[in-house]
Structures are given as C-alpha cells and as structure tokens.
Amino acid sequence: MQLSISDDQFKIDLDGWERIWAFYFNADLYIPLSHITQVSTEEPRHSWTDVRMPGTFLPGVIKAGTYYTDRGKEFWYVTRLGRYLTLELENEFYRRIVLSVDQNQLWADRINGQKAV
C-alpha cells in the first residue's frame, strides 16, 4: 500500500494482492483533505454486527474490504494489531477508512498538518 498527499488530496494506492483481499478493484482512493474530519492512531471501534460485503476476514490475520456498520459504510485494510490509521470522512462514499500502516503516527501528523495549511 502506498500513501501520498498531493494537490490537497490524500491518496491510497492498494497493490494487487491488497485489492484481491479487499475485493476492491476500482481506481485508487482519493480523499480531499477537506473531507477528512478526524485522524486517529487509536484502535478503532468495531463490532461483530459489522457486515462485510465484499471483503476478507480472518481473525487476528486480516480484515479487508467494505463493511456496513451502525456508523455507516467503512473501508478496512488491517493486517496486524496496532499501527492503525483511521480517517473519519464527510461527503464521501465511505464514512470511515481504517488502515494498518507503518509510521501511522507520521501519516496522522502529515494529514493534520496539511489540513491546517
């Protein structure tokens, strides 16, 4: 997974296997920074009532794909415990995006720093 910020947009570029596990075959995800309402590195709330459609879930291994929750539609790509990057969104297809990324705090700081400009 490659993350980048360019032209006031946060880009998530999934590689081939990540797209397969997440059943996400659309173009890369582009989110205007102005649509990101909150960024967190805390473990996100989730529930056994979340409905995966489509995606992959193996407890303790991977949670990937689109999930319908009481909070709205979410995109998850989490492959290990910790190192969460959670984006709360408005006016977007997904209400929330949850990722496992190395340097999650660095990305949270970069996004918050870009939003402040």
C-alpha atoms as a PDB file:
ATOM      1  CA  MET A   1       0.000   0.000   0.000  1.00  0.00           C
ATOM      2  CA  GLN A   2       1.300   3.399  -0.987  1.00  0.00           C
ATOM      3  CA  LEU A   3       0.042   6.569   0.683  1.00  0.00           C
ATOM      4  CA  SER A   4       0.633  10.085  -0.597  1.00  0.00           C
ATOM      5  CA  ILE A   5      -0.621  13.640  -0.329  1.00  0.00           C
ATOM      6  CA  SER A   6      -0.793  15.789  -3.442  1.00  0.00           C
ATOM      7  CA  ASP A   7      -2.933  18.723  -4.560  1.00  0.00           C
ATOM      8  CA  ASP A   8      -4.900  18.783  -1.290  1.00  0.00           C
ATOM      9  CA  GLN A   9      -5.834  15.098  -1.679  1.00  0.00           C
ATOM     10  CA  PHE A  10      -4.870  12.024   0.312  1.00  0.00           C
ATOM     11  CA  LYS A  11      -4.270   9.043  -1.994  1.00  0.00           C
ATOM     12  CA  ILE A  12      -4.405   5.354  -1.064  1.00  0.00           C
ATOM     13  CA  ASP A  13      -2.923   3.073  -3.714  1.00  0.00           C
ATOM     14  CA  LEU A  14      -3.526  -0.617  -2.991  1.00  0.00           C
ATOM     15  CA  ASP A  15      -1.246  -3.163  -4.637  1.00  0.00           C
ATOM     16  CA  GLY A  16      -2.566  -6.219  -6.489  1.00  0.00           C
ATOM     17  CA  TRP A  17      -2.884  -8.595  -3.531  1.00  0.00           C
ATOM     18  CA  GLU A  18      -4.385  -5.898  -1.318  1.00  0.00           C
ATOM     19  CA  ARG A  19      -7.050  -5.276  -3.965  1.00  0.00           C
ATOM     20  CA  ILE A  20      -7.809  -9.004  -4.104  1.00  0.00           C
ATOM     21  CA  TRP A  21      -8.115  -9.385  -0.315  1.00  0.00           C
ATOM     22  CA  ALA A  22     -10.276  -6.267  -0.073  1.00  0.00           C
ATOM     23  CA  PHE A  23     -12.289  -7.123  -3.206  1.00  0.00           C
ATOM     24  CA  TYR A  24     -11.569  -3.541  -4.273  1.00  0.00           C
ATOM     25  CA  PHE A  25     -10.908  -3.313  -7.994  1.00  0.00           C
ATOM     26  CA  ASN A  26     -11.804   0.340  -8.546  1.00  0.00           C
ATOM     27  CA  ALA A  27      -9.278   3.103  -9.073  1.00  0.00           C
ATOM     28  CA  ASP A  28      -7.108   4.286  -6.206  1.00  0.00           C
ATOM     29  CA  LEU A  29      -8.862   6.016  -3.329  1.00  0.00           C
ATOM     30  CA  TYR A  30      -8.574   9.813  -3.426  1.00  0.00           C
ATOM     31  CA  ILE A  31      -9.918  11.787  -0.485  1.00  0.00           C
ATOM     32  CA  PRO A  32      -9.895  15.596  -0.437  1.00  0.00           C
ATOM     33  CA  LEU A  33      -8.182  16.690   2.773  1.00  0.00           C
ATOM     34  CA  SER A  34     -11.150  18.966   3.459  1.00  0.00           C
ATOM     35  CA  HIS A  35     -13.385  15.846   3.699  1.00  0.00           C
ATOM     36  CA  ILE A  36     -11.264  14.294   6.461  1.00  0.00           C
ATOM     37  CA  THR A  37     -12.876  15.367   9.729  1.00  0.00           C
ATOM     38  CA  GLN A  38     -10.667  13.400  12.108  1.00  0.00           C
ATOM     39  CA  VAL A  39      -7.489  11.304  12.031  1.00  0.00           C
ATOM     40  CA  SER A  40      -6.621   8.799  14.739  1.00  0.00           C
ATOM     41  CA  THR A  41      -3.988   6.172  15.501  1.00  0.00           C
ATOM     42  CA  GLU A  42      -6.060   4.581  18.269  1.00  0.00           C
ATOM     43  CA  GLU A  43      -7.606   1.150  17.806  1.00  0.00           C
ATOM     44  CA  PRO A  44     -10.924   1.798  16.044  1.00  0.00           C
ATOM     45  CA  ARG A  45     -14.250   0.645  17.362  1.00  0.00           C
ATOM     46  CA  HIS A  46     -15.740  -2.336  15.562  1.00  0.00           C
ATOM     47  CA  SER A  47     -18.428  -4.878  16.278  1.00  0.00           C
ATOM     48  CA  TRP A  48     -19.378  -8.418  15.455  1.00  0.00           C
ATOM     49  CA  THR A  49     -22.536  -6.926  13.896  1.00  0.00           C
ATOM     50  CA  ASP A  50     -20.495  -5.205  11.140  1.00  0.00           C
ATOM     51  CA  VAL A  51     -21.479  -6.737   7.802  1.00  0.00           C
ATOM     52  CA  ARG A  52     -18.657  -7.453   5.355  1.00  0.00           C
ATOM     53  CA  MET A  53     -19.690  -7.101   1.740  1.00  0.00           C
ATOM     54  CA  PRO A  54     -17.409  -7.765  -0.051  1.00  0.00           C
ATOM     55  CA  GLY A  55     -14.135  -8.468   1.696  1.00  0.00           C
ATOM     56  CA  THR A  56     -11.966 -10.858   3.673  1.00  0.00           C
ATOM     57  CA  PHE A  57     -11.862 -11.546   7.398  1.00  0.00           C
ATOM     58  CA  LEU A  58      -9.605 -13.983   9.246  1.00  0.00           C
ATOM     59  CA  PRO A  59      -9.476 -13.134  12.982  1.00  0.00           C
ATOM     60  CA  GLY A  60      -6.036 -11.882  14.008  1.00  0.00           C
ATOM     61  CA  VAL A  61      -4.792 -12.030  10.403  1.00  0.00           C
ATOM     62  CA  ILE A  62      -6.741  -9.698   8.114  1.00  0.00           C
ATOM     63  CA  LYS A  63      -9.836  -7.529   7.954  1.00  0.00           C
ATOM     64  CA  ALA A  64     -10.171  -6.055   4.476  1.00  0.00           C
ATOM     65  CA  GLY A  65     -12.932  -4.685   2.308  1.00  0.00           C
ATOM     66  CA  THR A  66     -16.191  -2.813   2.635  1.00  0.00           C
ATOM     67  CA  TYR A  67     -18.113  -3.065   5.897  1.00  0.00           C
ATOM     68  CA  TYR A  68     -21.618  -1.824   6.657  1.00  0.00           C
ATOM     69  CA  THR A  69     -21.858  -0.683  10.268  1.00  0.00           C
ATOM     70  CA  ASP A  70     -24.146   1.319  12.522  1.00  0.00           C
ATOM     71  CA  ARG A  71     -21.736   4.220  11.812  1.00  0.00           C
ATOM     72  CA  GLY A  72     -22.127   3.932   8.020  1.00  0.00           C
ATOM     73  CA  LYS A  73     -20.140   2.331   5.192  1.00  0.00           C
ATOM     74  CA  GLU A  74     -16.453   1.777   6.002  1.00  0.00           C
ATOM     75  CA  PHE A  75     -13.346   0.564   4.178  1.00  0.00           C
ATOM     76  CA  TRP A  76     -10.894  -1.550   6.174  1.00  0.00           C
ATOM     77  CA  TYR A  77      -7.442  -2.879   5.335  1.00  0.00           C
ATOM     78  CA  VAL A  78      -5.962  -4.068   8.615  1.00  0.00           C
ATOM     79  CA  THR A  79      -3.433  -6.906   8.652  1.00  0.00           C
ATOM     80  CA  ARG A  80      -1.946  -6.834  12.146  1.00  0.00           C
ATOM     81  CA  LEU A  81      -2.725  -5.488  15.573  1.00  0.00           C
ATOM     82  CA  GLY A  82      -1.717  -1.893  16.115  1.00  0.00           C
ATOM     83  CA  ARG A  83      -0.385   0.752  13.746  1.00  0.00           C
ATOM     84  CA  TYR A  84      -3.879   1.951  12.884  1.00  0.00           C
ATOM     85  CA  LEU A  85      -4.591   4.978  10.754  1.00  0.00           C
ATOM     86  CA  THR A  86      -8.282   5.835  10.940  1.00  0.00           C
ATOM     87  CA  LEU A  87      -9.812   8.569   8.808  1.00  0.00           C
ATOM     88  CA  GLU A  88     -13.277   9.869   9.649  1.00  0.00           C
ATOM     89  CA  LEU A  89     -14.831  11.321   6.494  1.00  0.00           C
ATOM     90  CA  GLU A  90     -17.723  13.504   5.391  1.00  0.00           C
ATOM     91  CA  ASN A  91     -19.268  13.849   1.918  1.00  0.00           C
ATOM     92  CA  GLU A  92     -17.508  10.675   0.739  1.00  0.00           C
ATOM     93  CA  PHE A  93     -18.531   7.178  -0.403  1.00  0.00           C
ATOM     94  CA  TYR A  94     -17.073   5.758   2.844  1.00  0.00           C
ATOM     95  CA  ARG A  95     -17.812   7.249   6.252  1.00  0.00           C
ATOM     96  CA  ARG A  96     -14.558   5.866   7.658  1.00  0.00           C
ATOM     97  CA  ILE A  97     -11.342   4.310   6.340  1.00  0.00           C
ATOM     98  CA  VAL A  98      -9.220   2.133   8.642  1.00  0.00           C
ATOM     99  CA  LEU A  99      -5.735   1.032   7.599  1.00  0.00           C
ATOM    100  CA  SER A 100      -2.723  -0.721   9.128  1.00  0.00           C
ATOM    101  CA  VAL A 101       0.338   1.244   8.088  1.00  0.00           C
ATOM    102  CA  ASP A 102       3.920   1.529   9.196  1.00  0.00           C
ATOM    103  CA  GLN A 103       4.598   5.015  10.530  1.00  0.00           C
ATOM    104  CA  ASN A 104       0.912   5.550  11.330  1.00  0.00           C
ATOM    105  CA  GLN A 105       1.662   8.476  13.654  1.00  0.00           C
ATOM    106  CA  LEU A 106       3.777  10.159  10.973  1.00  0.00           C
ATOM    107  CA  TRP A 107       0.874   9.888   8.487  1.00  0.00           C
ATOM    108  CA  ALA A 108      -1.615  11.197  11.052  1.00  0.00           C
ATOM    109  CA  ASP A 109       0.654  14.189  11.694  1.00  0.00           C
ATOM    110  CA  ARG A 110       1.168  14.808   7.956  1.00  0.00           C
ATOM    111  CA  ILE A 111      -2.563  14.745   7.225  1.00  0.00           C
ATOM    112  CA  ASN A 112      -3.364  17.009  10.177  1.00  0.00           C
ATOM    113  CA  GLY A 113      -0.517  19.343   9.172  1.00  0.00           C
ATOM    114  CA  GLN A 114      -1.750  19.586   5.579  1.00  0.00           C
ATOM    115  CA  LYS A 115      -5.315  20.228   6.730  1.00  0.00           C
ATOM    116  CA  ALA A 116      -4.109  23.121   8.916  1.00  0.00           C
ATOM    117  CA  VAL A 117      -2.479  24.914   5.963  1.00  0.00           C
END
